[in-house]
């Protein structure tokens, strides 16, 4: 903070009034913004608390979905492999070698 070494004259009164009014306005704005920040933080905490169960459920569902996709892929691969073996065996005549 500045320390004035000389007294102010009466002509400085309008400047001091404007500076003081500006200080009051700035302080009020600061306090209002602090209150808005507190409310926003509380709303965010409430939102995070309600989103957490959904995130947990989403993780569970993704894991379950991945397992089902793996099983389906395995079954399709197995069925395709069986069909391929049937197709090959129906078109190939056995060849026997005698020794």
Foldseek 3Di string as FASTA:
>chain_A
DDDDPDDDDPVCVVVVVVVVVVVVVVVVVVVVVVVVVVVVVVVVVVVVVVCVVVVVVVVVVVVVVVVVVVVVVVVVVVVVVVVVVVVVVVPDDDDDDDD
